[in-house]
Amino acid sequence: MASVLLIIHLLVTLALIVVVLLQRSEGGGLGIGSSGGMGAFMGGRGTANLLTRTTAILGTLFFVLSLALALINQGTRQPRSLLDSAPAAAPAPSLPPAPAVPTN
């Protein structure tokens, strides 16, 4: 399931890149500096554009697929620390007592 979603996610990503690059640059990000001001940015003509709607749909799909992949893979991650995965510490083996050294 995760593999299928990942492939769909990659295809949506590539489509989103292509659609964004196909859009004509209006200059002055978000319509700032145009004669209509911010009213022209959210006007009927700007939102009715096919590329704008396609970008919004692909962006939404990208967001939803990202969340779905994150939720699916949440339970499969490995422990982050060696201490989390280490078994309980066993008692250290005791060494036999050292033989007594005779003193002269």
PDB file of N, CA and C in Angstrom:
ATOM      1  N   MET A   1       0.816  -1.189   0.000  1.00  0.00           N
ATOM      2  CA  MET A   1       0.000   0.000   0.000  1.00  0.00           C
ATOM      3  C   MET A   1       0.864   1.260   0.000  1.00  0.00           C
ATOM      4  N   ALA A   2       1.895   1.240   0.826  1.00  0.00           N
ATOM      5  CA  ALA A   2       2.769   2.415   0.905  1.00  0.00           C
ATOM      6  C   ALA A   2       3.519   2.625  -0.411  1.00  0.00           C
ATOM      7  N   SER A   3       3.879   1.533  -1.076  1.00  0.00           N
ATOM      8  CA  SER A   3       4.589   1.663  -2.353  1.00  0.00           C
ATOM      9  C   SER A   3       3.700   2.295  -3.416  1.00  0.00           C
ATOM     10  N   VAL A   4       2.450   1.899  -3.451  1.00  0.00           N
ATOM     11  CA  VAL A   4       1.510   2.467  -4.429  1.00  0.00           C
ATOM     12  C   VAL A   4       1.305   3.957  -4.152  1.00  0.00           C
ATOM     13  N   LEU A   5       1.116   4.302  -2.876  1.00  0.00           N
ATOM     14  CA  LEU A   5       0.940   5.710  -2.527  1.00  0.00           C
ATOM     15  C   LEU A   5       2.194   6.523  -2.838  1.00  0.00           C
ATOM     16  N   LEU A   6       3.352   5.926  -2.643  1.00  0.00           N
ATOM     17  CA  LEU A   6       4.596   6.639  -2.929  1.00  0.00           C
ATOM     18  C   LEU A   6       4.743   6.909  -4.425  1.00  0.00           C
ATOM     19  N   ILE A   7       4.373   5.953  -5.249  1.00  0.00           N
ATOM     20  CA  ILE A   7       4.446   6.151  -6.703  1.00  0.00           C
ATOM     21  C   ILE A   7       3.452   7.224  -7.142  1.00  0.00           C
ATOM     22  N   ILE A   8       2.235   7.185  -6.588  1.00  0.00           N
ATOM     23  CA  ILE A   8       1.250   8.222  -6.906  1.00  0.00           C
ATOM     24  C   ILE A   8       1.748   9.591  -6.435  1.00  0.00           C
ATOM     25  N   HIS A   9       2.376   9.616  -5.272  1.00  0.00           N
ATOM     26  CA  HIS A   9       2.917  10.867  -4.723  1.00  0.00           C
ATOM     27  C   HIS A   9       3.989  11.440  -5.646  1.00  0.00           C
ATOM     28  N   LEU A  10       4.851  10.588  -6.166  1.00  0.00           N
ATOM     29  CA  LEU A  10       5.895  11.058  -7.087  1.00  0.00           C
ATOM     30  C   LEU A  10       5.291  11.580  -8.387  1.00  0.00           C
ATOM     31  N   LEU A  11       4.256  10.907  -8.899  1.00  0.00           N
ATOM     32  CA  LEU A  11       3.606  11.378 -10.128  1.00  0.00           C
ATOM     33  C   LEU A  11       2.909  12.716  -9.908  1.00  0.00           C
ATOM     34  N   VAL A  12       2.253  12.872  -8.765  1.00  0.00           N
ATOM     35  CA  VAL A  12       1.605  14.151  -8.445  1.00  0.00           C
ATOM     36  C   VAL A  12       2.654  15.249  -8.308  1.00  0.00           C
ATOM     37  N   THR A  13       3.785  14.917  -7.705  1.00  0.00           N
ATOM     38  CA  THR A  13       4.862  15.895  -7.548  1.00  0.00           C
ATOM     39  C   THR A  13       5.383  16.368  -8.897  1.00  0.00           C
ATOM     40  N   LEU A  14       5.630  15.423  -9.803  1.00  0.00           N
ATOM     41  CA  LEU A  14       6.117  15.792 -11.137  1.00  0.00           C
ATOM     42  C   LEU A  14       5.076  16.614 -11.895  1.00  0.00           C
ATOM     43  N   ALA A  15       3.809  16.240 -11.787  1.00  0.00           N
ATOM     44  CA  ALA A  15       2.755  16.999 -12.453  1.00  0.00           C
ATOM     45  C   ALA A  15       2.663  18.407 -11.882  1.00  0.00           C
ATOM     46  N   LEU A  16       2.796  18.531 -10.571  1.00  0.00           N
ATOM     47  CA  LEU A  16       2.739  19.846  -9.938  1.00  0.00           C
ATOM     48  C   LEU A  16       3.894  20.732 -10.413  1.00  0.00           C
ATOM     49  N   ILE A  17       5.062  20.156 -10.540  1.00  0.00           N
ATOM     50  CA  ILE A  17       6.221  20.914 -11.030  1.00  0.00           C
ATOM     51  C   ILE A  17       5.968  21.411 -12.448  1.00  0.00           C
ATOM     52  N   VAL A  18       5.459  20.520 -13.295  1.00  0.00           N
ATOM     53  CA  VAL A  18       5.203  20.889 -14.690  1.00  0.00           C
ATOM     54  C   VAL A  18       4.145  21.982 -14.779  1.00  0.00           C
ATOM     55  N   VAL A  19       3.060  21.853 -14.021  1.00  0.00           N
ATOM     56  CA  VAL A  19       1.979  22.843 -14.080  1.00  0.00           C
ATOM     57  C   VAL A  19       2.454  24.196 -13.578  1.00  0.00           C
ATOM     58  N   VAL A  20       3.261  24.207 -12.533  1.00  0.00           N
ATOM     59  CA  VAL A  20       3.770  25.488 -12.015  1.00  0.00           C
ATOM     60  C   VAL A  20       4.704  26.136 -13.036  1.00  0.00           C
ATOM     61  N   LEU A  21       5.520  25.328 -13.699  1.00  0.00           N
ATOM     62  CA  LEU A  21       6.435  25.901 -14.690  1.00  0.00           C
ATOM     63  C   LEU A  21       5.710  26.368 -15.954  1.00  0.00           C
ATOM     64  N   LEU A  22       4.549  25.804 -16.243  1.00  0.00           N
ATOM     65  CA  LEU A  22       3.785  26.232 -17.414  1.00  0.00           C
ATOM     66  C   LEU A  22       3.079  27.556 -17.209  1.00  0.00           C
ATOM     67  N   GLN A  23       2.857  27.960 -15.989  1.00  0.00           N
ATOM     68  CA  GLN A  23       2.115  29.185 -15.727  1.00  0.00           C
ATOM     69  C   GLN A  23       2.911  30.400 -16.161  1.00  0.00           C
ATOM     70  N   ARG A  24       2.203  31.365 -16.689  1.00  0.00           N
ATOM     71  CA  ARG A  24       2.826  32.594 -17.155  1.00  0.00           C
ATOM     72  C   ARG A  24       3.104  33.487 -15.962  1.00  0.00           C
ATOM     73  N   SER A  25       4.289  34.015 -15.911  1.00  0.00           N
ATOM     74  CA  SER A  25       4.648  34.895 -14.809  1.00  0.00           C
ATOM     75  C   SER A  25       3.991  36.252 -15.010  1.00  0.00           C
ATOM     76  N   GLU A  26       3.262  36.691 -14.013  1.00  0.00           N
ATOM     77  CA  GLU A  26       2.601  37.993 -14.076  1.00  0.00           C
ATOM     78  C   GLU A  26       3.517  39.093 -13.569  1.00  0.00           C
ATOM     79  N   GLY A  27       4.621  38.729 -12.933  1.00  0.00           N
ATOM     80  CA  GLY A  27       5.524  39.719 -12.381  1.00  0.00           C
ATOM     81  C   GLY A  27       5.000  40.247 -11.062  1.00  0.00           C
ATOM     82  N   GLY A  28       5.876  40.557 -10.152  1.00  0.00           N
ATOM     83  CA  GLY A  28       5.461  41.071  -8.854  1.00  0.00           C
ATOM     84  C   GLY A  28       4.642  40.056  -8.105  1.00  0.00           C
ATOM     85  N   GLY A  29       5.271  39.197  -7.368  1.00  0.00           N
ATOM     86  CA  GLY A  29       4.644  38.068  -6.706  1.00  0.00           C
ATOM     87  C   GLY A  29       3.267  38.345  -6.125  1.00  0.00           C
ATOM     88  N   LEU A  30       2.343  37.468  -6.320  1.00  0.00           N
ATOM     89  CA  LEU A  30       0.973  37.498  -5.818  1.00  0.00           C
ATOM     90  C   LEU A  30       0.184  38.704  -6.319  1.00  0.00           C
ATOM     91  N   GLY A  31       0.566  39.219  -7.461  1.00  0.00           N
ATOM     92  CA  GLY A  31      -0.203  40.320  -8.038  1.00  0.00           C
ATOM     93  C   GLY A  31       0.113  41.671  -7.465  1.00  0.00           C
ATOM     94  N   ILE A  32       1.090  41.781  -6.593  1.00  0.00           N
ATOM     95  CA  ILE A  32       1.447  43.062  -5.990  1.00  0.00           C
ATOM     96  C   ILE A  32       2.124  43.919  -7.056  1.00  0.00           C
ATOM     97  N   GLY A  33       1.735  45.136  -7.140  1.00  0.00           N
ATOM     98  CA  GLY A  33       2.326  46.045  -8.113  1.00  0.00           C
ATOM     99  C   GLY A  33       1.492  46.158  -9.380  1.00  0.00           C
ATOM    100  N   SER A  34       0.449  45.376  -9.517  1.00  0.00           N
ATOM    101  CA  SER A  34      -0.403  45.501 -10.690  1.00  0.00           C
ATOM    102  C   SER A  34      -1.390  46.646 -10.454  1.00  0.00           C
ATOM    103  N   SER A  35      -2.050  47.073 -11.518  1.00  0.00           N
ATOM    104  CA  SER A  35      -2.954  48.216 -11.374  1.00  0.00           C
ATOM    105  C   SER A  35      -4.174  47.875 -10.537  1.00  0.00           C
ATOM    106  N   GLY A  36      -4.552  46.606 -10.475  1.00  0.00           N
ATOM    107  CA  GLY A  36      -5.733  46.229  -9.726  1.00  0.00           C
ATOM    108  C   GLY A  36      -5.480  45.992  -8.258  1.00  0.00           C
ATOM    109  N   GLY A  37      -4.237  45.916  -7.853  1.00  0.00           N
ATOM    110  CA  GLY A  37      -3.911  45.647  -6.456  1.00  0.00           C
ATOM    111  C   GLY A  37      -4.294  44.224  -6.069  1.00  0.00           C
ATOM    112  N   MET A  38      -4.610  44.003  -4.797  1.00  0.00           N
ATOM    113  CA  MET A  38      -4.956  42.674  -4.318  1.00  0.00           C
ATOM    114  C   MET A  38      -6.325  42.225  -4.814  1.00  0.00           C
ATOM    115  N   GLY A  39      -7.175  43.166  -5.223  1.00  0.00           N
ATOM    116  CA  GLY A  39      -8.477  42.790  -5.752  1.00  0.00           C
ATOM    117  C   GLY A  39      -8.360  41.992  -7.038  1.00  0.00           C
ATOM    118  N   ALA A  40      -7.365  42.307  -7.858  1.00  0.00           N
ATOM    119  CA  ALA A  40      -7.164  41.571  -9.108  1.00  0.00           C
ATOM    120  C   ALA A  40      -6.619  40.179  -8.846  1.00  0.00           C
ATOM    121  N   PHE A  41      -5.887  40.030  -7.763  1.00  0.00           N
ATOM    122  CA  PHE A  41      -5.317  38.708  -7.444  1.00  0.00           C
ATOM    123  C   PHE A  41      -6.417  37.696  -7.148  1.00  0.00           C
ATOM    124  N   MET A  42      -7.430  38.091  -6.408  1.00  0.00           N
ATOM    125  CA  MET A  42      -8.503  37.179  -6.046  1.00  0.00           C
ATOM    126  C   MET A  42      -9.745  37.387  -6.909  1.00  0.00           C
ATOM    127  N   GLY A  43      -9.602  38.053  -8.003  1.00  0.00           N
ATOM    128  CA  GLY A  43     -10.749  38.307  -8.872  1.00  0.00           C
ATOM    129  C   GLY A  43     -11.187  37.057  -9.612  1.00  0.00           C
ATOM    130  N   GLY A  44     -12.321  37.165 -10.311  1.00  0.00           N
ATOM    131  CA  GLY A  44     -12.882  36.026 -11.023  1.00  0.00           C
ATOM    132  C   GLY A  44     -11.994  35.528 -12.142  1.00  0.00           C
ATOM    133  N   ARG A  45     -11.339  36.439 -12.839  1.00  0.00           N
ATOM    134  CA  ARG A  45     -10.513  36.030 -13.967  1.00  0.00           C
ATOM    135  C   ARG A  45      -9.299  35.236 -13.512  1.00  0.00           C
ATOM    136  N   GLY A  46      -8.688  35.622 -12.355  1.00  0.00           N
ATOM    137  CA  GLY A  46      -7.487  34.932 -11.886  1.00  0.00           C
ATOM    138  C   GLY A  46      -7.778  33.533 -11.362  1.00  0.00           C
ATOM    139  N   THR A  47      -8.915  33.345 -10.695  1.00  0.00           N
ATOM    140  CA  THR A  47      -9.207  32.037 -10.126  1.00  0.00           C
ATOM    141  C   THR A  47      -9.836  31.091 -11.121  1.00  0.00           C
ATOM    142  N   ALA A  48     -10.342  31.591 -12.228  1.00  0.00           N
ATOM    143  CA  ALA A  48     -10.989  30.743 -13.215  1.00  0.00           C
ATOM    144  C   ALA A  48      -9.982  30.086 -14.149  1.00  0.00           C
ATOM    145  N   ASN A  49      -8.759  30.444 -14.050  1.00  0.00           N
ATOM    146  CA  ASN A  49      -7.732  29.915 -14.931  1.00  0.00           C
ATOM    147  C   ASN A  49      -7.557  28.416 -14.691  1.00  0.00           C
ATOM    148  N   LEU A  50      -7.479  27.665 -15.772  1.00  0.00           N
ATOM    149  CA  LEU A  50      -7.345  26.211 -15.683  1.00  0.00           C
ATOM    150  C   LEU A  50      -6.058  25.810 -14.964  1.00  0.00           C
ATOM    151  N   LEU A  51      -4.971  26.479 -15.249  1.00  0.00           N
ATOM    152  CA  LEU A  51      -3.703  26.123 -14.607  1.00  0.00           C
ATOM    153  C   LEU A  51      -3.733  26.427 -13.116  1.00  0.00           C
ATOM    154  N   THR A  52      -4.417  27.483 -12.734  1.00  0.00           N
ATOM    155  CA  THR A  52      -4.523  27.822 -11.314  1.00  0.00           C
ATOM    156  C   THR A  52      -5.312  26.761 -10.571  1.00  0.00           C
ATOM    157  N   ARG A  53      -6.421  26.336 -11.163  1.00  0.00           N
ATOM    158  CA  ARG A  53      -7.223  25.292 -10.519  1.00  0.00           C
ATOM    159  C   ARG A  53      -6.475  23.966 -10.471  1.00  0.00           C
ATOM    160  N   THR A  54      -5.773  23.655 -11.548  1.00  0.00           N
ATOM    161  CA  THR A  54      -4.988  22.416 -11.571  1.00  0.00           C
ATOM    162  C   THR A  54      -3.902  22.451 -10.509  1.00  0.00           C
ATOM    163  N   THR A  55      -3.273  23.603 -10.336  1.00  0.00           N
ATOM    164  CA  THR A  55      -2.250  23.740  -9.301  1.00  0.00           C
ATOM    165  C   THR A  55      -2.835  23.539  -7.911  1.00  0.00           C
ATOM    166  N   ALA A  56      -4.011  24.099  -7.676  1.00  0.00           N
ATOM    167  CA  ALA A  56      -4.654  23.944  -6.372  1.00  0.00           C
ATOM    168  C   ALA A  56      -5.021  22.486  -6.109  1.00  0.00           C
ATOM    169  N   ILE A  57      -5.539  21.807  -7.107  1.00  0.00           N
ATOM    170  CA  ILE A  57      -5.920  20.397  -6.943  1.00  0.00           C
ATOM    171  C   ILE A  57      -4.692  19.531  -6.704  1.00  0.00           C
ATOM    172  N   LEU A  58      -3.651  19.743  -7.495  1.00  0.00           N
ATOM    173  CA  LEU A  58      -2.426  18.952  -7.327  1.00  0.00           C
ATOM    174  C   LEU A  58      -1.745  19.255  -5.994  1.00  0.00           C
ATOM    175  N   GLY A  59      -1.790  20.511  -5.568  1.00  0.00           N
ATOM    176  CA  GLY A  59      -1.220  20.864  -4.265  1.00  0.00           C
ATOM    177  C   GLY A  59      -1.961  20.190  -3.127  1.00  0.00           C
ATOM    178  N   THR A  60      -3.288  20.137  -3.233  1.00  0.00           N
ATOM    179  CA  THR A  60      -4.089  19.459  -2.212  1.00  0.00           C
ATOM    180  C   THR A  60      -3.794  17.971  -2.194  1.00  0.00           C
ATOM    181  N   LEU A  61      -3.717  17.358  -3.381  1.00  0.00           N
ATOM    182  CA  LEU A  61      -3.364  15.933  -3.458  1.00  0.00           C
ATOM    183  C   LEU A  61      -1.985  15.669  -2.864  1.00  0.00           C
ATOM    184  N   PHE A  62      -1.044  16.554  -3.148  1.00  0.00           N
ATOM    185  CA  PHE A  62       0.310  16.404  -2.606  1.00  0.00           C
ATOM    186  C   PHE A  62       0.278  16.415  -1.080  1.00  0.00           C
ATOM    187  N   PHE A  63      -0.477  17.350  -0.515  1.00  0.00           N
ATOM    188  CA  PHE A  63      -0.582  17.478   0.938  1.00  0.00           C
ATOM    189  C   PHE A  63      -1.234  16.245   1.554  1.00  0.00           C
ATOM    190  N   VAL A  64      -2.341  15.788   0.966  1.00  0.00           N
ATOM    191  CA  VAL A  64      -3.057  14.625   1.490  1.00  0.00           C
ATOM    192  C   VAL A  64      -2.205  13.365   1.389  1.00  0.00           C
ATOM    193  N   LEU A  65      -1.529  13.179   0.268  1.00  0.00           N
ATOM    194  CA  LEU A  65      -0.670  11.998   0.108  1.00  0.00           C
ATOM    195  C   LEU A  65       0.512  12.037   1.073  1.00  0.00           C
ATOM    196  N   SER A  66       1.052  13.223   1.324  1.00  0.00           N
ATOM    197  CA  SER A  66       2.155  13.340   2.284  1.00  0.00           C
ATOM    198  C   SER A  66       1.709  12.921   3.679  1.00  0.00           C
ATOM    199  N   LEU A  67       0.527  13.385   4.087  1.00  0.00           N
ATOM    200  CA  LEU A  67      -0.004  12.998   5.394  1.00  0.00           C
ATOM    201  C   LEU A  67      -0.294  11.499   5.463  1.00  0.00           C
ATOM    202  N   ALA A  68      -0.860  10.951   4.394  1.00  0.00           N
ATOM    203  CA  ALA A  68      -1.175   9.518   4.375  1.00  0.00           C
ATOM    204  C   ALA A  68       0.089   8.682   4.477  1.00  0.00           C
ATOM    205  N   LEU A  69       1.122   9.052   3.742  1.00  0.00           N
ATOM    206  CA  LEU A  69       2.387   8.309   3.818  1.00  0.00           C
ATOM    207  C   LEU A  69       3.017   8.424   5.200  1.00  0.00           C
ATOM    208  N   ALA A  70       2.919   9.587   5.809  1.00  0.00           N
ATOM    209  CA  ALA A  70       3.477   9.762   7.148  1.00  0.00           C
ATOM    210  C   ALA A  70       2.732   8.899   8.161  1.00  0.00           C
ATOM    211  N   LEU A  71       1.412   8.833   8.048  1.00  0.00           N
ATOM    212  CA  LEU A  71       0.632   8.033   8.985  1.00  0.00           C
ATOM    213  C   LEU A  71       0.841   6.532   8.769  1.00  0.00           C
ATOM    214  N   ILE A  72       0.973   6.114   7.520  1.00  0.00           N
ATOM    215  CA  ILE A  72       1.183   4.691   7.240  1.00  0.00           C
ATOM    216  C   ILE A  72       2.538   4.230   7.757  1.00  0.00           C
ATOM    217  N   ASN A  73       3.554   5.049   7.565  1.00  0.00           N
ATOM    218  CA  ASN A  73       4.917   4.656   7.947  1.00  0.00           C
ATOM    219  C   ASN A  73       5.238   4.984   9.399  1.00  0.00           C
ATOM    220  N   GLN A  74       4.297   5.486  10.143  1.00  0.00           N
ATOM    221  CA  GLN A  74       4.550   5.857  11.537  1.00  0.00           C
ATOM    222  C   GLN A  74       4.870   4.642  12.393  1.00  0.00           C
ATOM    223  N   GLY A  75       4.217   3.525  12.181  1.00  0.00           N
ATOM    224  CA  GLY A  75       4.425   2.346  13.010  1.00  0.00           C
ATOM    225  C   GLY A  75       5.600   1.491  12.592  1.00  0.00           C
ATOM    226  N   THR A  76       6.221   1.788  11.455  1.00  0.00           N
ATOM    227  CA  THR A  76       7.302   0.937  10.959  1.00  0.00           C
ATOM    228  C   THR A  76       8.692   1.490  11.222  1.00  0.00           C
ATOM    229  N   ARG A  77       8.774   2.600  11.914  1.00  0.00           N
ATOM    230  CA  ARG A  77      10.112   3.169  12.118  1.00  0.00           C
ATOM    231  C   ARG A  77      10.853   2.405  13.210  1.00  0.00           C
ATOM    232  N   GLN A  78      12.149   2.427  13.118  1.00  0.00           N
ATOM    233  CA  GLN A  78      13.018   1.729  14.049  1.00  0.00           C
ATOM    234  C   GLN A  78      13.282   2.605  15.268  1.00  0.00           C
ATOM    235  N   PRO A  79      13.669   1.990  16.377  1.00  0.00           N
ATOM    236  CA  PRO A  79      14.021   2.804  17.550  1.00  0.00           C
ATOM    237  C   PRO A  79      15.155   3.764  17.209  1.00  0.00           C
ATOM    238  N   ARG A  80      15.126   4.929  17.804  1.00  0.00           N
ATOM    239  CA  ARG A  80      16.111   5.954  17.480  1.00  0.00           C
ATOM    240  C   ARG A  80      17.405   5.792  18.271  1.00  0.00           C
ATOM    241  N   SER A  81      17.370   5.095  19.372  1.00  0.00           N
ATOM    242  CA  SER A  81      18.538   5.008  20.224  1.00  0.00           C
ATOM    243  C   SER A  81      18.911   3.548  20.439  1.00  0.00           C
ATOM    244  N   LEU A  82      20.162   3.298  20.604  1.00  0.00           N
ATOM    245  CA  LEU A  82      20.600   1.940  20.918  1.00  0.00           C
ATOM    246  C   LEU A  82      20.108   1.525  22.298  1.00  0.00           C
ATOM    247  N   LEU A  83      19.944   2.487  23.180  1.00  0.00           N
ATOM    248  CA  LEU A  83      19.481   2.165  24.518  1.00  0.00           C
ATOM    249  C   LEU A  83      18.025   1.710  24.509  1.00  0.00           C
ATOM    250  N   ASP A  84      17.237   2.217  23.542  1.00  0.00           N
ATOM    251  CA  ASP A  84      15.837   1.808  23.451  1.00  0.00           C
ATOM    252  C   ASP A  84      15.695   0.360  23.016  1.00  0.00           C
ATOM    253  N   SER A  85      16.619  -0.109  22.181  1.00  0.00           N
ATOM    254  CA  SER A  85      16.494  -1.457  21.644  1.00  0.00           C
ATOM    255  C   SER A  85      17.367  -2.468  22.379  1.00  0.00           C
ATOM    256  N   ALA A  86      18.204  -2.026  23.320  1.00  0.00           N
ATOM    257  CA  ALA A  86      19.097  -2.942  24.040  1.00  0.00           C
ATOM    258  C   ALA A  86      18.294  -3.774  25.036  1.00  0.00           C
ATOM    259  N   PRO A  87      18.625  -5.067  25.152  1.00  0.00           N
ATOM    260  CA  PRO A  87      17.932  -5.885  26.156  1.00  0.00           C
ATOM    261  C   PRO A  87      18.341  -5.456  27.564  1.00  0.00           C
ATOM    262  N   ALA A  88      17.596  -5.930  28.532  1.00  0.00           N
ATOM    263  CA  ALA A  88      17.901  -5.586  29.922  1.00  0.00           C
ATOM    264  C   ALA A  88      19.314  -6.056  30.260  1.00  0.00           C
ATOM    265  N   ALA A  89      20.007  -5.248  31.008  1.00  0.00           N
ATOM    266  CA  ALA A  89      21.402  -5.553  31.330  1.00  0.00           C
ATOM    267  C   ALA A  89      21.479  -6.795  32.215  1.00  0.00           C
ATOM    268  N   ALA A  90      22.314  -7.734  31.802  1.00  0.00           N
ATOM    269  CA  ALA A  90      22.535  -8.953  32.588  1.00  0.00           C
ATOM    270  C   ALA A  90      23.624  -8.662  33.618  1.00  0.00           C
ATOM    271  N   PRO A  91      23.592  -9.345  34.733  1.00  0.00           N
ATOM    272  CA  PRO A  91      24.659  -9.115  35.714  1.00  0.00           C
ATOM    273  C   PRO A  91      26.006  -9.506  35.124  1.00  0.00           C
ATOM    274  N   ALA A  92      27.004  -8.719  35.469  1.00  0.00           N
ATOM    275  CA  ALA A  92      28.353  -8.986  34.962  1.00  0.00           C
ATOM    276  C   ALA A  92      28.878 -10.276  35.587  1.00  0.00           C
ATOM    277  N   PRO A  93      29.554 -11.109  34.781  1.00  0.00           N
ATOM    278  CA  PRO A  93      30.094 -12.346  35.349  1.00  0.00           C
ATOM    279  C   PRO A  93      31.182 -12.018  36.371  1.00  0.00           C
ATOM    280  N   SER A  94      31.139 -12.726  37.481  1.00  0.00           N
ATOM    281  CA  SER A  94      32.144 -12.464  38.514  1.00  0.00           C
ATOM    282  C   SER A  94      33.411 -13.259  38.194  1.00  0.00           C
ATOM    283  N   LEU A  95      34.515 -12.611  38.433  1.00  0.00           N
ATOM    284  CA  LEU A  95      35.808 -13.251  38.202  1.00  0.00           C
ATOM    285  C   LEU A  95      36.193 -14.057  39.441  1.00  0.00           C
ATOM    286  N   PRO A  96      36.881 -15.179  39.226  1.00  0.00           N
ATOM    287  CA  PRO A  96      37.339 -15.932  40.404  1.00  0.00           C
ATOM    288  C   PRO A  96      38.358 -15.098  41.173  1.00  0.00           C
ATOM    289  N   PRO A  97      38.440 -15.315  42.465  1.00  0.00           N
ATOM    290  CA  PRO A  97      39.407 -14.525  43.263  1.00  0.00           C
ATOM    291  C   PRO A  97      40.830 -14.823  42.808  1.00  0.00           C
ATOM    292  N   ALA A  98      41.641 -13.783  42.843  1.00  0.00           N
ATOM    293  CA  ALA A  98      43.038 -13.948  42.458  1.00  0.00           C
ATOM    294  C   ALA A  98      43.779 -14.784  43.501  1.00  0.00           C
ATOM    295  N   PRO A  99      44.699 -15.631  43.041  1.00  0.00           N
ATOM    296  CA  PRO A  99      45.449 -16.438  44.013  1.00  0.00           C
ATOM    297  C   PRO A  99      46.339 -15.540  44.896  1.00  0.00           C
ATOM    298  N   ALA A 100      46.471 -15.947  46.122  1.00  0.00           N
ATOM    299  CA  ALA A 100      47.281 -15.192  47.059  1.00  0.00           C
ATOM    300  C   ALA A 100      48.757 -15.287  46.649  1.00  0.00           C
ATOM    301  N   VAL A 101      49.398 -14.156  46.659  1.00  0.00           N
ATOM    302  CA  VAL A 101      50.825 -14.145  46.310  1.00  0.00           C
ATOM    303  C   VAL A 101      51.626 -14.184  47.609  1.00  0.00           C
ATOM    304  N   PRO A 102      52.505 -15.196  47.757  1.00  0.00           N
ATOM    305  CA  PRO A 102      53.288 -15.253  48.983  1.00  0.00           C
ATOM    306  C   PRO A 102      54.283 -14.099  49.070  1.00  0.00           C
ATOM    307  N   THR A 103      54.416 -13.513  50.198  1.00  0.00           N
ATOM    308  CA  THR A 103      55.380 -12.438  50.383  1.00  0.00           C
ATOM    309  C   THR A 103      56.598 -12.971  51.138  1.00  0.00           C
ATOM    310  N   ASN A 104      57.737 -12.556  50.819  1.00  0.00           N
ATOM    311  CA  ASN A 104      58.972 -13.023  51.451  1.00  0.00           C
ATOM    312  C   ASN A 104      59.382 -12.173  52.593  1.00  0.00           C
TER     313      ASN A 104
END
